[in-house]
Amino acid sequence: MRPSLKYQSDVQCSGDELKLELPLALLTGSHGRDWFAYSYLAVELTNNDDGYVHQLLLDKPFYQDDSRSMYRIEWPSSKQQAASSKQQAVIAGVS
């Protein structure tokens, strides 16, 4: 599991960010035929005084040439009030 917690403040805005990445094999076991082998779940929650970004991601990339499946499911959500150009770039990268 990879947690990250950050607070940032500058002249334009301030806010905090929480990110978590969890390999799903930790929960389901790493069996060779397990649907969640090599998969991970990522959550990002960013709250600033001028808006927020919430993102949920479930991802299983190809790891070998003979992999039979891959998937990526993403749920981004964001809202901004008087946005700065710095935050617009961050939100554009999330969508």
N, C-alpha and C. Protein backbone atom coordinates (compact mmCIF):
# COMPACT_ATOMS: atom_id res chain seq x y z
N MET A 1 0.85 -1.17 0.00
CA MET A 1 0.00 0.00 0.00
C MET A 1 0.89 1.23 0.00
N ARG A 2 0.52 2.22 -0.82
CA ARG A 2 1.30 3.45 -0.92
C ARG A 2 0.43 4.64 -0.57
N PRO A 3 0.49 5.12 0.67
CA PRO A 3 -0.28 6.30 1.04
C PRO A 3 0.54 7.58 0.84
N SER A 4 -0.14 8.68 0.59
CA SER A 4 0.51 9.97 0.45
C SER A 4 -0.45 11.04 0.97
N LEU A 5 0.05 11.91 1.84
CA LEU A 5 -0.75 13.00 2.39
C LEU A 5 0.07 14.27 2.24
N LYS A 6 -0.56 15.33 1.70
CA LYS A 6 0.19 16.54 1.40
C LYS A 6 -0.68 17.76 1.64
N TYR A 7 -0.08 18.83 2.17
CA TYR A 7 -0.73 20.13 2.30
C TYR A 7 0.08 21.13 1.50
N GLN A 8 -0.59 21.98 0.74
CA GLN A 8 0.10 22.96 -0.09
C GLN A 8 -0.60 24.30 0.03
N SER A 9 0.19 25.36 0.07
CA SER A 9 -0.37 26.70 0.16
C SER A 9 0.51 27.65 -0.64
N ASP A 10 -0.13 28.52 -1.43
CA ASP A 10 0.58 29.57 -2.14
C ASP A 10 -0.33 30.79 -2.21
N VAL A 11 0.05 31.81 -2.96
CA VAL A 11 -0.74 33.04 -3.01
C VAL A 11 -2.09 32.84 -3.68
N GLN A 12 -2.25 31.81 -4.51
CA GLN A 12 -3.50 31.60 -5.23
C GLN A 12 -4.49 30.71 -4.49
N CYS A 13 -4.00 29.69 -3.83
CA CYS A 13 -4.91 28.78 -3.13
C CYS A 13 -4.15 27.94 -2.11
N SER A 14 -4.91 27.24 -1.30
CA SER A 14 -4.33 26.29 -0.36
C SER A 14 -5.25 25.09 -0.27
N GLY A 15 -4.68 23.96 0.10
CA GLY A 15 -5.49 22.76 0.21
C GLY A 15 -4.68 21.54 0.56
N ASP A 16 -5.37 20.43 0.67
CA ASP A 16 -4.70 19.18 1.03
C ASP A 16 -5.04 18.09 0.03
N GLU A 17 -4.19 17.06 0.02
CA GLU A 17 -4.34 15.97 -0.94
C GLU A 17 -4.04 14.65 -0.24
N LEU A 18 -4.88 13.67 -0.50
CA LEU A 18 -4.69 12.32 0.01
C LEU A 18 -4.71 11.37 -1.17
N LYS A 19 -3.67 10.54 -1.29
CA LYS A 19 -3.61 9.52 -2.34
C LYS A 19 -3.32 8.17 -1.70
N LEU A 20 -4.01 7.15 -2.18
CA LEU A 20 -3.79 5.78 -1.73
C LEU A 20 -3.72 4.87 -2.95
N GLU A 21 -2.75 3.99 -2.97
CA GLU A 21 -2.67 2.94 -4.00
C GLU A 21 -2.57 1.60 -3.29
N LEU A 22 -3.41 0.68 -3.68
CA LEU A 22 -3.47 -0.62 -3.03
C LEU A 22 -3.44 -1.73 -4.08
N PRO A 23 -2.40 -2.57 -4.08
CA PRO A 23 -2.42 -3.74 -4.97
C PRO A 23 -3.51 -4.70 -4.51
N LEU A 24 -4.42 -5.07 -5.40
CA LEU A 24 -5.55 -5.92 -5.01
C LEU A 24 -5.12 -7.35 -4.70
N ALA A 25 -3.94 -7.76 -5.12
CA ALA A 25 -3.45 -9.10 -4.78
C ALA A 25 -3.25 -9.23 -3.28
N LEU A 26 -3.06 -8.13 -2.56
CA LEU A 26 -2.94 -8.18 -1.11
C LEU A 26 -4.24 -8.64 -0.46
N LEU A 27 -5.36 -8.31 -1.11
CA LEU A 27 -6.67 -8.69 -0.57
C LEU A 27 -7.14 -10.05 -1.06
N THR A 28 -6.81 -10.39 -2.31
CA THR A 28 -7.38 -11.59 -2.92
C THR A 28 -6.38 -12.74 -3.02
N GLY A 29 -5.11 -12.47 -2.74
CA GLY A 29 -4.08 -13.50 -2.95
C GLY A 29 -3.55 -13.38 -4.36
N SER A 30 -2.33 -13.78 -4.59
CA SER A 30 -1.72 -13.63 -5.92
C SER A 30 -1.72 -14.95 -6.67
N HIS A 31 -2.89 -15.51 -6.90
CA HIS A 31 -3.02 -16.76 -7.66
C HIS A 31 -2.84 -16.46 -9.15
N GLY A 32 -2.22 -17.35 -9.89
CA GLY A 32 -1.97 -17.14 -11.31
C GLY A 32 -3.23 -16.91 -12.13
N ARG A 33 -4.35 -17.48 -11.74
CA ARG A 33 -5.59 -17.31 -12.51
C ARG A 33 -6.55 -16.34 -11.85
N ASP A 34 -6.09 -15.64 -10.85
CA ASP A 34 -6.93 -14.68 -10.14
C ASP A 34 -7.20 -13.47 -11.04
N TRP A 35 -8.45 -13.03 -11.13
CA TRP A 35 -8.84 -11.90 -11.97
C TRP A 35 -8.19 -10.61 -11.50
N PHE A 36 -7.87 -10.51 -10.19
CA PHE A 36 -7.28 -9.30 -9.64
C PHE A 36 -5.76 -9.36 -9.51
N ALA A 37 -5.11 -10.41 -10.00
CA ALA A 37 -3.65 -10.47 -9.96
C ALA A 37 -3.09 -9.31 -10.78
N TYR A 38 -2.11 -8.62 -10.27
CA TYR A 38 -1.46 -7.45 -10.89
C TYR A 38 -2.36 -6.23 -10.99
N SER A 39 -3.51 -6.25 -10.35
CA SER A 39 -4.43 -5.12 -10.37
C SER A 39 -4.17 -4.22 -9.16
N TYR A 40 -4.57 -2.97 -9.30
CA TYR A 40 -4.49 -2.09 -8.14
C TYR A 40 -5.66 -1.11 -8.14
N LEU A 41 -5.94 -0.60 -6.97
CA LEU A 41 -6.99 0.38 -6.76
C LEU A 41 -6.31 1.66 -6.28
N ALA A 42 -6.63 2.79 -6.90
CA ALA A 42 -6.05 4.07 -6.51
C ALA A 42 -7.17 5.05 -6.21
N VAL A 43 -7.00 5.82 -5.15
CA VAL A 43 -7.96 6.84 -4.74
C VAL A 43 -7.20 8.14 -4.54
N GLU A 44 -7.73 9.21 -5.10
CA GLU A 44 -7.14 10.55 -4.90
C GLU A 44 -8.24 11.49 -4.45
N LEU A 45 -8.01 12.17 -3.35
CA LEU A 45 -8.94 13.17 -2.83
C LEU A 45 -8.16 14.46 -2.62
N THR A 46 -8.45 15.48 -3.41
CA THR A 46 -7.79 16.77 -3.29
C THR A 46 -8.84 17.82 -3.00
N ASN A 47 -8.68 18.54 -1.92
CA ASN A 47 -9.61 19.61 -1.55
C ASN A 47 -8.83 20.89 -1.38
N ASN A 48 -9.15 21.88 -2.22
CA ASN A 48 -8.54 23.20 -2.14
C ASN A 48 -9.61 24.20 -1.75
N ASP A 49 -9.19 25.40 -1.38
CA ASP A 49 -10.17 26.40 -1.00
C ASP A 49 -10.96 26.92 -2.21
N ASP A 50 -10.56 26.57 -3.43
CA ASP A 50 -11.30 26.99 -4.62
C ASP A 50 -11.87 25.82 -5.42
N GLY A 51 -11.89 24.61 -4.87
CA GLY A 51 -12.47 23.47 -5.57
C GLY A 51 -11.90 22.15 -5.09
N TYR A 52 -12.24 21.09 -5.80
CA TYR A 52 -11.79 19.75 -5.41
C TYR A 52 -11.61 18.86 -6.62
N VAL A 53 -10.85 17.79 -6.42
CA VAL A 53 -10.70 16.71 -7.40
C VAL A 53 -10.82 15.41 -6.62
N HIS A 54 -11.72 14.55 -7.02
CA HIS A 54 -11.87 13.21 -6.44
C HIS A 54 -11.75 12.22 -7.58
N GLN A 55 -10.93 11.20 -7.40
CA GLN A 55 -10.73 10.22 -8.47
C GLN A 55 -10.61 8.83 -7.87
N LEU A 56 -11.25 7.88 -8.54
CA LEU A 56 -11.16 6.47 -8.19
C LEU A 56 -10.73 5.72 -9.44
N LEU A 57 -9.74 4.83 -9.31
CA LEU A 57 -9.18 4.14 -10.46
C LEU A 57 -8.97 2.67 -10.11
N LEU A 58 -9.45 1.79 -10.96
CA LEU A 58 -9.19 0.35 -10.88
C LEU A 58 -8.47 -0.03 -12.16
N ASP A 59 -7.27 -0.59 -12.05
CA ASP A 59 -6.43 -0.80 -13.23
C ASP A 59 -5.76 -2.16 -13.18
N LYS A 60 -5.76 -2.83 -14.33
CA LYS A 60 -4.99 -4.06 -14.52
C LYS A 60 -4.35 -3.97 -15.91
N PRO A 61 -3.08 -3.55 -15.97
CA PRO A 61 -2.42 -3.44 -17.27
C PRO A 61 -1.92 -4.80 -17.75
N PHE A 62 -1.51 -4.86 -19.02
CA PHE A 62 -0.87 -6.08 -19.54
C PHE A 62 0.51 -6.21 -18.90
N TYR A 63 0.85 -7.37 -18.40
CA TYR A 63 2.17 -7.60 -17.83
C TYR A 63 3.01 -8.54 -18.67
N GLN A 64 2.39 -9.35 -19.53
CA GLN A 64 3.11 -10.30 -20.38
C GLN A 64 2.43 -10.36 -21.74
N ASP A 65 3.13 -10.90 -22.70
CA ASP A 65 2.55 -11.04 -24.04
C ASP A 65 1.35 -11.97 -24.07
N ASP A 66 1.34 -12.98 -23.19
CA ASP A 66 0.24 -13.93 -23.20
C ASP A 66 -0.88 -13.58 -22.21
N SER A 67 -0.89 -12.34 -21.71
CA SER A 67 -1.98 -11.90 -20.82
C SER A 67 -3.30 -11.96 -21.58
N ARG A 68 -4.31 -12.48 -20.93
CA ARG A 68 -5.61 -12.62 -21.60
C ARG A 68 -6.53 -11.43 -21.38
N SER A 69 -6.25 -10.63 -20.39
CA SER A 69 -7.15 -9.51 -20.14
C SER A 69 -6.40 -8.33 -19.55
N MET A 70 -6.99 -7.16 -19.76
CA MET A 70 -6.54 -5.94 -19.12
C MET A 70 -7.78 -5.07 -18.97
N TYR A 71 -7.77 -4.19 -18.00
CA TYR A 71 -8.89 -3.29 -17.84
C TYR A 71 -8.43 -2.03 -17.12
N ARG A 72 -9.23 -0.99 -17.27
CA ARG A 72 -8.99 0.28 -16.57
C ARG A 72 -10.35 0.94 -16.41
N ILE A 73 -10.75 1.14 -15.19
CA ILE A 73 -12.01 1.80 -14.88
C ILE A 73 -11.67 3.03 -14.05
N GLU A 74 -12.15 4.18 -14.51
CA GLU A 74 -11.81 5.44 -13.86
C GLU A 74 -13.07 6.23 -13.57
N TRP A 75 -13.12 6.86 -12.41
CA TRP A 75 -14.22 7.74 -12.06
C TRP A 75 -13.65 9.05 -11.54
N PRO A 76 -13.50 10.05 -12.42
CA PRO A 76 -13.02 11.35 -11.96
C PRO A 76 -14.19 12.28 -11.65
N SER A 77 -14.01 13.13 -10.67
CA SER A 77 -15.01 14.13 -10.32
C SER A 77 -14.25 15.38 -9.87
N SER A 78 -14.65 16.53 -10.37
CA SER A 78 -13.97 17.76 -9.98
C SER A 78 -14.92 18.94 -10.02
N LYS A 79 -14.60 19.95 -9.24
CA LYS A 79 -15.37 21.18 -9.23
C LYS A 79 -14.41 22.30 -8.87
N GLN A 80 -14.53 23.40 -9.62
CA GLN A 80 -13.68 24.55 -9.34
C GLN A 80 -14.53 25.80 -9.25
N GLN A 81 -14.08 26.71 -8.39
CA GLN A 81 -14.71 28.02 -8.33
C GLN A 81 -13.81 28.96 -9.10
N ALA A 82 -13.15 29.90 -8.61
CA ALA A 82 -12.25 30.78 -9.36
C ALA A 82 -10.92 30.07 -9.52
N ALA A 83 -10.76 29.33 -10.64
CA ALA A 83 -9.60 28.44 -10.80
C ALA A 83 -8.37 29.18 -11.30
N SER A 84 -7.23 28.76 -10.81
CA SER A 84 -5.95 29.27 -11.33
C SER A 84 -5.51 28.39 -12.49
N SER A 85 -4.61 28.87 -13.31
CA SER A 85 -4.15 28.09 -14.46
C SER A 85 -3.41 26.84 -14.00
N LYS A 86 -2.74 26.89 -12.86
CA LYS A 86 -2.03 25.72 -12.33
C LYS A 86 -3.01 24.59 -12.03
N GLN A 87 -4.12 24.91 -11.39
CA GLN A 87 -5.10 23.88 -11.05
C GLN A 87 -5.85 23.39 -12.29
N GLN A 88 -6.07 24.25 -13.26
CA GLN A 88 -6.73 23.81 -14.50
C GLN A 88 -5.89 22.74 -15.18
N ALA A 89 -4.58 22.87 -15.15
CA ALA A 89 -3.71 21.87 -15.75
C ALA A 89 -3.81 20.57 -15.01
N VAL A 90 -3.91 20.60 -13.68
CA VAL A 90 -4.03 19.38 -12.88
C VAL A 90 -5.35 18.68 -13.20
N ILE A 91 -6.43 19.42 -13.23
CA ILE A 91 -7.74 18.82 -13.50
C ILE A 91 -7.81 18.31 -14.93
N ALA A 92 -7.21 19.01 -15.88
CA ALA A 92 -7.22 18.53 -17.27
C ALA A 92 -6.48 17.22 -17.38
N GLY A 93 -5.43 17.01 -16.59
CA GLY A 93 -4.70 15.76 -16.62
C GLY A 93 -5.48 14.62 -16.01
N VAL A 94 -6.40 14.89 -15.10
CA VAL A 94 -7.17 13.85 -14.43
C VAL A 94 -8.30 13.35 -15.32
N SER A 95 -8.93 14.21 -16.10
CA SER A 95 -10.10 13.79 -16.87
C SER A 95 -9.79 12.84 -17.97
